[in-house]
Amino acid sequence: MKKRGWWVKVETRGSVGAGNAITPEEVAAADLVIVAADIEVDLAKFAGKPMYRTSTGLALKKTAQELDKAVAEATPYEPAGKAQTATTEGKKESAGAYRHLLTGVSYMLPMVVAGGLCIALSFAFGIEAFKEPGTLAAALMQIGGGSAFALMVPVLAGYIAFSIADTAPSGSHAGSDWRYAGG
């Protein structure tokens, strides 16, 4: 934004939660708010500020064009009224729960896929070859059917909690206590 002489602050949302958070003082001093998000974000702190909303894809790929549109098309942001909020409260809550569940499932899927592939590879040696102890087929079955599938529920639960808390799962306590590893 140096070319235009603008000072820009970007608040990010990622696996570690909100990064470079915008302070109330910065909101008060802002001339324009651009929200580039593909998920629902809390915009209450921007009430009354001129706002332009766009997708993250457009903001990253067509930055200059989106900035020009933001200056031309921004309108003052007004949060939904209390009456509307009351009627949509249940919908937002269920959508939030669904979003948290989907976050957990998306992080759990690699465990499911890896476990399934290990089981399928063990069957490549023969449909019952895994019953012979000490063979590669037995090891693949143990990794896939035992370890990977046993980790599915803890991974699901951990990343549902991650989504709710808006911060990455911490391994500091879980790593020092065997009970948190599903044992």
N, C-alpha and C. Protein backbone atom coordinates (compact mmCIF):
# COMPACT_ATOMS: atom_id res chain seq x y z
N MET A 1 0.81 -1.18 0.00
CA MET A 1 0.00 0.00 0.00
C MET A 1 0.86 1.26 0.00
N LYS A 2 2.18 1.07 -0.06
CA LYS A 2 3.09 2.21 -0.09
C LYS A 2 2.85 3.06 -1.33
N LYS A 3 2.52 2.42 -2.46
CA LYS A 3 2.28 3.16 -3.70
C LYS A 3 1.15 4.16 -3.55
N ARG A 4 0.15 3.80 -2.76
CA ARG A 4 -1.02 4.66 -2.58
C ARG A 4 -0.90 5.56 -1.35
N GLY A 5 0.13 5.35 -0.56
CA GLY A 5 0.30 6.15 0.64
C GLY A 5 -0.64 5.76 1.77
N TRP A 6 -1.07 4.52 1.78
CA TRP A 6 -2.01 4.04 2.80
C TRP A 6 -1.26 3.22 3.83
N TRP A 7 -1.74 3.28 5.06
CA TRP A 7 -1.25 2.41 6.12
C TRP A 7 -2.32 1.34 6.31
N VAL A 8 -1.92 0.08 6.22
CA VAL A 8 -2.86 -1.03 6.29
C VAL A 8 -2.44 -1.97 7.41
N LYS A 9 -3.42 -2.43 8.17
CA LYS A 9 -3.16 -3.46 9.18
C LYS A 9 -4.04 -4.65 8.85
N VAL A 10 -3.45 -5.82 8.87
CA VAL A 10 -4.17 -7.05 8.52
C VAL A 10 -4.24 -7.94 9.76
N GLU A 11 -5.46 -8.29 10.16
CA GLU A 11 -5.66 -9.26 11.24
C GLU A 11 -5.90 -10.60 10.58
N THR A 12 -5.11 -11.58 10.94
CA THR A 12 -5.23 -12.90 10.32
C THR A 12 -5.92 -13.87 11.26
N ARG A 13 -6.54 -14.87 10.68
CA ARG A 13 -7.13 -15.97 11.44
C ARG A 13 -6.57 -17.25 10.87
N GLY A 14 -5.88 -18.01 11.72
CA GLY A 14 -5.29 -19.25 11.23
C GLY A 14 -5.31 -20.31 12.30
N SER A 15 -4.41 -21.27 12.18
CA SER A 15 -4.40 -22.40 13.09
C SER A 15 -4.05 -22.01 14.52
N VAL A 16 -3.43 -20.85 14.70
CA VAL A 16 -3.09 -20.40 16.05
C VAL A 16 -4.05 -19.33 16.55
N GLY A 17 -5.19 -19.18 15.89
CA GLY A 17 -6.18 -18.19 16.31
C GLY A 17 -5.94 -16.86 15.62
N ALA A 18 -6.41 -15.79 16.25
CA ALA A 18 -6.27 -14.46 15.67
C ALA A 18 -4.83 -13.98 15.83
N GLY A 19 -4.25 -13.56 14.73
CA GLY A 19 -2.90 -13.02 14.75
C GLY A 19 -2.91 -11.56 14.37
N ASN A 20 -2.03 -10.77 14.97
CA ASN A 20 -1.94 -9.34 14.67
C ASN A 20 -3.29 -8.67 14.90
N ALA A 21 -3.90 -8.93 16.04
CA ALA A 21 -5.25 -8.46 16.34
C ALA A 21 -5.35 -6.94 16.26
N ILE A 22 -6.46 -6.47 15.72
CA ILE A 22 -6.72 -5.05 15.59
C ILE A 22 -7.29 -4.53 16.90
N THR A 23 -6.68 -3.48 17.43
CA THR A 23 -7.09 -2.92 18.72
C THR A 23 -8.26 -1.96 18.54
N PRO A 24 -9.00 -1.69 19.63
CA PRO A 24 -10.10 -0.71 19.55
C PRO A 24 -9.61 0.67 19.09
N GLU A 25 -8.40 1.06 19.48
CA GLU A 25 -7.86 2.35 19.06
C GLU A 25 -7.64 2.38 17.54
N GLU A 26 -7.15 1.27 16.99
CA GLU A 26 -6.93 1.19 15.55
C GLU A 26 -8.25 1.20 14.79
N VAL A 27 -9.27 0.57 15.36
CA VAL A 27 -10.59 0.59 14.74
C VAL A 27 -11.11 2.02 14.71
N ALA A 28 -10.97 2.73 15.83
CA ALA A 28 -11.45 4.11 15.91
C ALA A 28 -10.73 5.01 14.89
N ALA A 29 -9.45 4.76 14.65
CA ALA A 29 -8.67 5.59 13.73
C ALA A 29 -8.84 5.18 12.27
N ALA A 30 -9.45 4.03 12.01
CA ALA A 30 -9.55 3.51 10.64
C ALA A 30 -10.53 4.33 9.81
N ASP A 31 -10.16 4.53 8.55
CA ASP A 31 -11.05 5.21 7.60
C ASP A 31 -11.93 4.21 6.86
N LEU A 32 -11.46 2.97 6.74
CA LEU A 32 -12.16 1.95 5.96
C LEU A 32 -11.79 0.58 6.50
N VAL A 33 -12.77 -0.32 6.51
CA VAL A 33 -12.54 -1.70 6.93
C VAL A 33 -12.83 -2.60 5.74
N ILE A 34 -11.88 -3.44 5.40
CA ILE A 34 -12.07 -4.43 4.34
C ILE A 34 -12.04 -5.80 5.00
N VAL A 35 -13.11 -6.56 4.82
CA VAL A 35 -13.19 -7.90 5.39
C VAL A 35 -13.07 -8.90 4.25
N ALA A 36 -11.96 -9.61 4.21
CA ALA A 36 -11.73 -10.65 3.20
C ALA A 36 -11.80 -11.98 3.93
N ALA A 37 -12.98 -12.58 3.95
CA ALA A 37 -13.18 -13.81 4.72
C ALA A 37 -14.15 -14.72 3.99
N ASP A 38 -13.88 -16.01 4.08
CA ASP A 38 -14.78 -17.00 3.50
C ASP A 38 -15.59 -17.71 4.58
N ILE A 39 -15.38 -17.31 5.82
CA ILE A 39 -16.13 -17.85 6.95
C ILE A 39 -16.77 -16.69 7.70
N GLU A 40 -17.66 -17.00 8.60
CA GLU A 40 -18.32 -15.97 9.41
C GLU A 40 -17.34 -15.46 10.46
N VAL A 41 -17.19 -14.14 10.53
CA VAL A 41 -16.32 -13.52 11.53
C VAL A 41 -17.12 -12.49 12.32
N ASP A 42 -16.72 -12.27 13.56
CA ASP A 42 -17.38 -11.30 14.42
C ASP A 42 -16.97 -9.90 13.99
N LEU A 43 -17.94 -9.13 13.55
CA LEU A 43 -17.66 -7.79 13.04
C LEU A 43 -18.17 -6.69 13.97
N ALA A 44 -18.62 -7.05 15.16
CA ALA A 44 -19.22 -6.07 16.07
C ALA A 44 -18.30 -4.89 16.36
N LYS A 45 -17.01 -5.13 16.43
CA LYS A 45 -16.09 -4.04 16.77
C LYS A 45 -15.98 -3.00 15.67
N PHE A 46 -16.50 -3.29 14.47
CA PHE A 46 -16.43 -2.36 13.36
C PHE A 46 -17.73 -1.59 13.13
N ALA A 47 -18.65 -1.63 14.09
CA ALA A 47 -19.95 -0.96 13.95
C ALA A 47 -19.75 0.52 13.62
N GLY A 48 -20.45 0.97 12.58
CA GLY A 48 -20.39 2.37 12.18
C GLY A 48 -19.27 2.71 11.21
N LYS A 49 -18.32 1.82 11.02
CA LYS A 49 -17.19 2.08 10.13
C LYS A 49 -17.57 1.70 8.69
N PRO A 50 -17.08 2.46 7.69
CA PRO A 50 -17.30 2.05 6.31
C PRO A 50 -16.64 0.69 6.07
N MET A 51 -17.41 -0.25 5.51
CA MET A 51 -16.93 -1.62 5.36
C MET A 51 -17.19 -2.13 3.96
N TYR A 52 -16.24 -2.92 3.48
CA TYR A 52 -16.37 -3.62 2.20
C TYR A 52 -16.02 -5.07 2.45
N ARG A 53 -16.88 -5.98 1.99
CA ARG A 53 -16.63 -7.41 2.19
C ARG A 53 -16.31 -8.07 0.86
N THR A 54 -15.32 -8.98 0.90
CA THR A 54 -14.91 -9.72 -0.29
C THR A 54 -14.41 -11.09 0.15
N SER A 55 -14.09 -11.92 -0.81
CA SER A 55 -13.56 -13.25 -0.50
C SER A 55 -12.05 -13.17 -0.36
N THR A 56 -11.48 -14.15 0.31
CA THR A 56 -10.02 -14.18 0.46
C THR A 56 -9.35 -14.38 -0.90
N GLY A 57 -9.96 -15.17 -1.76
CA GLY A 57 -9.40 -15.43 -3.08
C GLY A 57 -9.27 -14.15 -3.90
N LEU A 58 -10.33 -13.35 -3.95
CA LEU A 58 -10.28 -12.09 -4.70
C LEU A 58 -9.30 -11.11 -4.07
N ALA A 59 -9.27 -11.06 -2.75
CA ALA A 59 -8.36 -10.13 -2.07
C ALA A 59 -6.90 -10.48 -2.36
N LEU A 60 -6.60 -11.76 -2.49
CA LEU A 60 -5.23 -12.17 -2.75
C LEU A 60 -4.86 -12.08 -4.23
N LYS A 61 -5.80 -12.42 -5.12
CA LYS A 61 -5.49 -12.47 -6.54
C LYS A 61 -5.65 -11.13 -7.25
N LYS A 62 -6.63 -10.34 -6.82
CA LYS A 62 -6.93 -9.06 -7.48
C LYS A 62 -6.93 -7.94 -6.44
N THR A 63 -5.83 -7.80 -5.75
CA THR A 63 -5.73 -6.88 -4.61
C THR A 63 -6.05 -5.45 -5.01
N ALA A 64 -5.40 -4.92 -6.03
CA ALA A 64 -5.60 -3.52 -6.43
C ALA A 64 -7.05 -3.26 -6.83
N GLN A 65 -7.63 -4.19 -7.60
CA GLN A 65 -9.02 -4.04 -8.03
C GLN A 65 -9.95 -4.05 -6.83
N GLU A 66 -9.73 -4.93 -5.88
CA GLU A 66 -10.58 -5.01 -4.69
C GLU A 66 -10.43 -3.76 -3.81
N LEU A 67 -9.22 -3.22 -3.73
CA LEU A 67 -9.02 -1.98 -2.96
C LEU A 67 -9.79 -0.82 -3.59
N ASP A 68 -9.75 -0.72 -4.92
CA ASP A 68 -10.50 0.32 -5.61
C ASP A 68 -12.00 0.16 -5.37
N LYS A 69 -12.48 -1.08 -5.45
CA LYS A 69 -13.90 -1.34 -5.20
C LYS A 69 -14.26 -1.01 -3.75
N ALA A 70 -13.36 -1.30 -2.83
CA ALA A 70 -13.63 -1.02 -1.41
C ALA A 70 -13.80 0.46 -1.18
N VAL A 71 -12.94 1.27 -1.77
CA VAL A 71 -13.04 2.72 -1.61
C VAL A 71 -14.34 3.24 -2.22
N ALA A 72 -14.74 2.69 -3.36
CA ALA A 72 -15.93 3.16 -4.06
C ALA A 72 -17.24 2.63 -3.47
N GLU A 73 -17.24 1.40 -2.96
CA GLU A 73 -18.49 0.75 -2.59
C GLU A 73 -18.69 0.53 -1.09
N ALA A 74 -17.76 0.93 -0.25
CA ALA A 74 -17.90 0.68 1.19
C ALA A 74 -19.12 1.40 1.75
N THR A 75 -19.84 0.71 2.63
CA THR A 75 -20.99 1.30 3.31
C THR A 75 -20.82 1.11 4.81
N PRO A 76 -21.36 2.02 5.61
CA PRO A 76 -21.22 1.89 7.07
C PRO A 76 -21.80 0.56 7.56
N TYR A 77 -21.03 -0.12 8.38
CA TYR A 77 -21.47 -1.41 8.90
C TYR A 77 -22.38 -1.21 10.10
N GLU A 78 -23.54 -1.82 10.04
CA GLU A 78 -24.48 -1.81 11.16
C GLU A 78 -24.78 -3.25 11.54
N PRO A 79 -24.47 -3.63 12.77
CA PRO A 79 -24.78 -5.00 13.20
C PRO A 79 -26.29 -5.24 13.14
N ALA A 80 -26.66 -6.50 13.00
CA ALA A 80 -28.08 -6.87 12.95
C ALA A 80 -28.77 -6.43 14.22
N GLY A 81 -30.04 -6.02 14.10
CA GLY A 81 -30.81 -5.57 15.25
C GLY A 81 -31.07 -6.70 16.23
N LYS A 82 -31.49 -6.32 17.44
CA LYS A 82 -31.73 -7.33 18.48
C LYS A 82 -32.85 -8.27 18.10
N ALA A 83 -33.89 -7.77 17.43
CA ALA A 83 -35.00 -8.65 17.04
C ALA A 83 -34.52 -9.69 16.05
N GLN A 84 -33.72 -9.24 15.09
CA GLN A 84 -33.20 -10.18 14.09
C GLN A 84 -32.22 -11.15 14.74
N THR A 85 -31.44 -10.65 15.68
CA THR A 85 -30.46 -11.50 16.36
C THR A 85 -31.16 -12.61 17.12
N ALA A 86 -32.27 -12.31 17.77
CA ALA A 86 -32.98 -13.32 18.54
C ALA A 86 -33.51 -14.43 17.64
N THR A 87 -33.99 -14.07 16.44
CA THR A 87 -34.53 -15.10 15.55
C THR A 87 -33.44 -15.93 14.90
N THR A 88 -32.27 -15.35 14.71
CA THR A 88 -31.19 -16.09 14.06
C THR A 88 -30.23 -16.72 15.05
N GLU A 89 -30.44 -16.50 16.34
CA GLU A 89 -29.53 -17.03 17.36
C GLU A 89 -29.41 -18.55 17.27
N GLY A 90 -30.55 -19.24 17.17
CA GLY A 90 -30.53 -20.70 17.08
C GLY A 90 -29.83 -21.18 15.83
N LYS A 91 -30.05 -20.50 14.70
CA LYS A 91 -29.41 -20.88 13.45
C LYS A 91 -27.90 -20.71 13.55
N LYS A 92 -27.44 -19.59 14.12
CA LYS A 92 -26.01 -19.35 14.25
C LYS A 92 -25.37 -20.39 15.16
N GLU A 93 -26.08 -20.73 16.25
CA GLU A 93 -25.53 -21.70 17.20
C GLU A 93 -25.39 -23.07 16.54
N SER A 94 -26.41 -23.50 15.79
CA SER A 94 -26.32 -24.80 15.15
C SER A 94 -25.30 -24.77 14.01
N ALA A 95 -25.21 -23.64 13.30
CA ALA A 95 -24.19 -23.53 12.26
C ALA A 95 -22.80 -23.56 12.87
N GLY A 96 -22.64 -22.95 14.04
CA GLY A 96 -21.35 -22.96 14.72
C GLY A 96 -20.96 -24.37 15.13
N ALA A 97 -21.91 -25.12 15.69
CA ALA A 97 -21.63 -26.50 16.10
C ALA A 97 -21.26 -27.35 14.88
N TYR A 98 -21.98 -27.15 13.80
CA TYR A 98 -21.70 -27.88 12.56
C TYR A 98 -20.31 -27.54 12.04
N ARG A 99 -19.95 -26.26 12.08
CA ARG A 99 -18.63 -25.82 11.62
C ARG A 99 -17.53 -26.45 12.47
N HIS A 100 -17.74 -26.51 13.81
CA HIS A 100 -16.74 -27.11 14.69
C HIS A 100 -16.58 -28.60 14.39
N LEU A 101 -17.71 -29.28 14.17
CA LEU A 101 -17.67 -30.70 13.83
C LEU A 101 -16.92 -30.92 12.52
N LEU A 102 -17.20 -30.10 11.52
CA LEU A 102 -16.52 -30.25 10.23
C LEU A 102 -15.02 -29.98 10.33
N THR A 103 -14.63 -29.06 11.20
CA THR A 103 -13.20 -28.82 11.41
C THR A 103 -12.55 -30.08 11.96
N GLY A 104 -13.18 -30.70 12.96
CA GLY A 104 -12.65 -31.94 13.53
C GLY A 104 -12.56 -33.05 12.50
N VAL A 105 -13.61 -33.19 11.70
CA VAL A 105 -13.64 -34.24 10.69
C VAL A 105 -12.56 -34.01 9.64
N SER A 106 -12.35 -32.75 9.24
CA SER A 106 -11.35 -32.49 8.20
C SER A 106 -9.94 -32.83 8.67
N TYR A 107 -9.66 -32.65 9.95
CA TYR A 107 -8.35 -33.04 10.47
C TYR A 107 -8.26 -34.54 10.73
N MET A 108 -9.40 -35.19 10.93
CA MET A 108 -9.42 -36.63 11.20
C MET A 108 -9.27 -37.44 9.90
N LEU A 109 -9.71 -36.89 8.78
CA LEU A 109 -9.70 -37.63 7.51
C LEU A 109 -8.35 -38.21 7.12
N PRO A 110 -7.24 -37.52 7.30
CA PRO A 110 -5.96 -38.16 6.94
C PRO A 110 -5.70 -39.44 7.73
N MET A 111 -6.16 -39.50 8.99
CA MET A 111 -5.99 -40.73 9.78
C MET A 111 -6.83 -41.86 9.18
N VAL A 112 -8.05 -41.53 8.77
CA VAL A 112 -8.93 -42.53 8.19
C VAL A 112 -8.34 -43.05 6.88
N VAL A 113 -7.88 -42.15 6.04
CA VAL A 113 -7.31 -42.53 4.74
C VAL A 113 -6.05 -43.36 4.93
N ALA A 114 -5.14 -42.90 5.79
CA ALA A 114 -3.89 -43.63 6.02
C ALA A 114 -4.17 -45.01 6.60
N GLY A 115 -5.08 -45.09 7.56
CA GLY A 115 -5.43 -46.38 8.15
C GLY A 115 -6.04 -47.32 7.12
N GLY A 116 -6.93 -46.80 6.31
CA GLY A 116 -7.56 -47.61 5.26
C GLY A 116 -6.56 -48.11 4.24
N LEU A 117 -5.62 -47.24 3.86
CA LEU A 117 -4.59 -47.66 2.90
C LEU A 117 -3.70 -48.75 3.48
N CYS A 118 -3.34 -48.63 4.75
CA CYS A 118 -2.51 -49.67 5.38
C CYS A 118 -3.24 -51.01 5.41
N ILE A 119 -4.52 -50.97 5.74
CA ILE A 119 -5.32 -52.21 5.76
C ILE A 119 -5.40 -52.80 4.36
N ALA A 120 -5.66 -51.95 3.36
CA ALA A 120 -5.74 -52.43 1.98
C ALA A 120 -4.42 -53.04 1.53
N LEU A 121 -3.30 -52.41 1.90
CA LEU A 121 -2.00 -52.96 1.53
C LEU A 121 -1.75 -54.30 2.22
N SER A 122 -2.23 -54.46 3.44
CA SER A 122 -2.05 -55.76 4.11
C SER A 122 -2.83 -56.85 3.39
N PHE A 123 -3.97 -56.49 2.81
CA PHE A 123 -4.76 -57.46 2.05
C PHE A 123 -4.09 -57.82 0.73
N ALA A 124 -3.19 -56.97 0.25
CA ALA A 124 -2.49 -57.26 -1.01
C ALA A 124 -1.61 -58.50 -0.89
N PHE A 125 -1.21 -58.84 0.34
CA PHE A 125 -0.40 -60.03 0.57
C PHE A 125 -1.25 -61.28 0.75
N GLY A 126 -2.54 -61.12 0.70
CA GLY A 126 -3.48 -62.22 0.90
C GLY A 126 -4.52 -61.78 1.90
N ILE A 127 -5.74 -62.22 1.69
CA ILE A 127 -6.84 -61.72 2.50
C ILE A 127 -6.68 -62.07 3.98
N GLU A 128 -5.96 -63.13 4.30
CA GLU A 128 -5.74 -63.50 5.70
C GLU A 128 -4.26 -63.55 6.06
N ALA A 129 -3.42 -62.92 5.24
CA ALA A 129 -1.98 -62.94 5.48
C ALA A 129 -1.60 -62.19 6.75
N PHE A 130 -2.42 -61.26 7.19
CA PHE A 130 -2.11 -60.48 8.39
C PHE A 130 -2.19 -61.31 9.67
N LYS A 131 -2.80 -62.49 9.58
CA LYS A 131 -2.93 -63.35 10.77
C LYS A 131 -1.61 -63.99 11.17
N GLU A 132 -0.65 -64.02 10.25
CA GLU A 132 0.67 -64.59 10.51
C GLU A 132 1.53 -63.54 11.22
N PRO A 133 1.86 -63.75 12.51
CA PRO A 133 2.62 -62.75 13.26
C PRO A 133 4.01 -62.52 12.66
N GLY A 134 4.48 -61.28 12.75
CA GLY A 134 5.82 -60.94 12.30
C GLY A 134 5.96 -60.67 10.82
N THR A 135 4.86 -60.69 10.08
CA THR A 135 4.93 -60.43 8.64
C THR A 135 4.63 -58.96 8.36
N LEU A 136 4.98 -58.53 7.17
CA LEU A 136 4.68 -57.16 6.76
C LEU A 136 3.18 -56.93 6.74
N ALA A 137 2.43 -57.92 6.31
CA ALA A 137 0.97 -57.80 6.28
C ALA A 137 0.42 -57.58 7.69
N ALA A 138 0.96 -58.29 8.68
CA ALA A 138 0.52 -58.12 10.07
C ALA A 138 0.87 -56.72 10.58
N ALA A 139 2.05 -56.24 10.23
CA ALA A 139 2.46 -54.90 10.66
C ALA A 139 1.57 -53.83 10.04
N LEU A 140 1.27 -53.97 8.75
CA LEU A 140 0.39 -53.00 8.09
C LEU A 140 -1.01 -53.02 8.69
N MET A 141 -1.51 -54.21 9.02
CA MET A 141 -2.83 -54.31 9.63
C MET A 141 -2.82 -53.66 11.01
N GLN A 142 -1.75 -53.86 11.77
CA GLN A 142 -1.66 -53.26 13.10
C GLN A 142 -1.59 -51.74 13.01
N ILE A 143 -0.80 -51.24 12.08
CA ILE A 143 -0.68 -49.78 11.91
C ILE A 143 -2.03 -49.20 11.47
N GLY A 144 -2.63 -49.82 10.47
CA GLY A 144 -3.89 -49.29 9.94
C GLY A 144 -5.07 -49.52 10.85
N GLY A 145 -5.29 -50.77 11.22
CA GLY A 145 -6.47 -51.10 12.01
C GLY A 145 -6.32 -50.78 13.47
N GLY A 146 -5.11 -50.84 13.98
CA GLY A 146 -4.90 -50.58 15.40
C GLY A 146 -4.60 -49.13 15.69
N SER A 147 -3.46 -48.68 15.22
CA SER A 147 -2.97 -47.35 15.59
C SER A 147 -3.74 -46.21 14.93
N ALA A 148 -3.85 -46.23 13.61
CA ALA A 148 -4.48 -45.11 12.91
C ALA A 148 -5.94 -44.97 13.30
N PHE A 149 -6.67 -46.07 13.34
CA PHE A 149 -8.08 -45.98 13.68
C PHE A 149 -8.29 -45.65 15.15
N ALA A 150 -7.34 -46.04 16.01
CA ALA A 150 -7.45 -45.70 17.43
C ALA A 150 -7.25 -44.21 17.66
N LEU A 151 -6.52 -43.55 16.78
CA LEU A 151 -6.28 -42.11 16.93
C LEU A 151 -7.38 -41.24 16.33
N MET A 152 -8.31 -41.83 15.61
CA MET A 152 -9.34 -41.04 14.95
C MET A 152 -10.15 -40.21 15.94
N VAL A 153 -10.66 -40.82 16.98
CA VAL A 153 -11.52 -40.10 17.93
C VAL A 153 -10.74 -39.04 18.71
N PRO A 154 -9.54 -39.32 19.22
CA PRO A 154 -8.79 -38.24 19.88
C PRO A 154 -8.47 -37.07 18.95
N VAL A 155 -8.15 -37.35 17.69
CA VAL A 155 -7.88 -36.27 16.74
C VAL A 155 -9.15 -35.48 16.47
N LEU A 156 -10.26 -36.17 16.28
CA LEU A 156 -11.55 -35.50 16.08
C LEU A 156 -11.86 -34.59 17.27
N ALA A 157 -11.75 -35.12 18.47
CA ALA A 157 -12.07 -34.35 19.67
C ALA A 157 -11.12 -33.16 19.84
N GLY A 158 -9.84 -33.38 19.60
CA GLY A 158 -8.86 -32.31 19.75
C GLY A 158 -9.11 -31.15 18.80
N TYR A 159 -9.46 -31.45 17.57
CA TYR A 159 -9.65 -30.37 16.60
C TYR A 159 -11.05 -29.77 16.67
N ILE A 160 -12.02 -30.46 17.24
CA ILE A 160 -13.28 -29.79 17.57
C ILE A 160 -13.01 -28.76 18.65
N ALA A 161 -12.23 -29.14 19.66
CA ALA A 161 -11.85 -28.20 20.72
C ALA A 161 -11.04 -27.04 20.14
N PHE A 162 -10.14 -27.34 19.21
CA PHE A 162 -9.35 -26.30 18.54
C PHE A 162 -10.26 -25.29 17.86
N SER A 163 -11.29 -25.77 17.18
CA SER A 163 -12.20 -24.88 16.48
C SER A 163 -13.00 -24.02 17.45
N ILE A 164 -13.45 -24.62 18.53
CA ILE A 164 -14.23 -23.88 19.53
C ILE A 164 -13.37 -22.83 20.22
N ALA A 165 -12.16 -23.20 20.60
CA ALA A 165 -11.28 -22.30 21.35
C ALA A 165 -10.57 -21.30 20.46
N ASP A 166 -10.58 -21.50 19.14
CA ASP A 166 -9.90 -20.63 18.19
C ASP A 166 -8.41 -20.57 18.46
N THR A 167 -7.84 -21.69 18.88
CA THR A 167 -6.40 -21.78 19.10
C THR A 167 -5.95 -23.21 18.86
N ALA A 168 -4.70 -23.38 18.51
CA ALA A 168 -4.18 -24.71 18.20
C ALA A 168 -4.13 -25.59 19.44
N PRO A 169 -4.34 -26.90 19.27
CA PRO A 169 -4.24 -27.81 20.41
C PRO A 169 -2.84 -27.76 21.00
N SER A 170 -2.76 -27.72 22.31
CA SER A 170 -1.47 -27.64 22.98
C SER A 170 -0.99 -29.02 23.35
N GLY A 171 0.24 -29.30 23.03
CA GLY A 171 0.81 -30.60 23.36
C GLY A 171 1.60 -30.59 24.65
N SER A 172 1.73 -29.42 25.29
CA SER A 172 2.58 -29.34 26.48
C SER A 172 2.09 -30.23 27.60
N HIS A 173 0.80 -30.20 27.90
CA HIS A 173 0.29 -31.05 28.97
C HIS A 173 -0.03 -32.45 28.44
N ALA A 174 -0.65 -32.48 27.26
CA ALA A 174 -1.05 -33.77 26.71
C ALA A 174 0.15 -34.68 26.47
N GLY A 175 1.27 -34.11 26.08
CA GLY A 175 2.46 -34.91 25.82
C GLY A 175 3.08 -35.48 27.07
N SER A 176 2.83 -34.85 28.22
CA SER A 176 3.44 -35.33 29.46
C SER A 176 2.52 -36.25 30.25
N ASP A 177 1.31 -36.47 29.78
CA ASP A 177 0.36 -37.31 30.50
C ASP A 177 -0.17 -38.38 29.55
N TRP A 178 0.18 -39.63 29.78
CA TRP A 178 -0.18 -40.72 28.86
C TRP A 178 -1.69 -40.88 28.71
N ARG A 179 -2.49 -40.44 29.68
CA ARG A 179 -3.94 -40.62 29.59
C ARG A 179 -4.54 -39.80 28.45
N TYR A 180 -3.87 -38.73 28.02
CA TYR A 180 -4.39 -37.90 26.95
C TYR A 180 -4.12 -38.49 25.58
N ALA A 181 -3.34 -39.54 25.51
CA ALA A 181 -3.00 -40.15 24.23
C ALA A 181 -3.95 -41.28 23.87
N GLY A 182 -5.05 -41.40 24.58
CA GLY A 182 -6.02 -42.44 24.28
C GLY A 182 -5.72 -43.75 24.96
N GLY A 183 -4.80 -43.76 25.93
CA GLY A 183 -4.40 -45.00 26.60
C GLY A 183 -5.18 -45.30 27.82
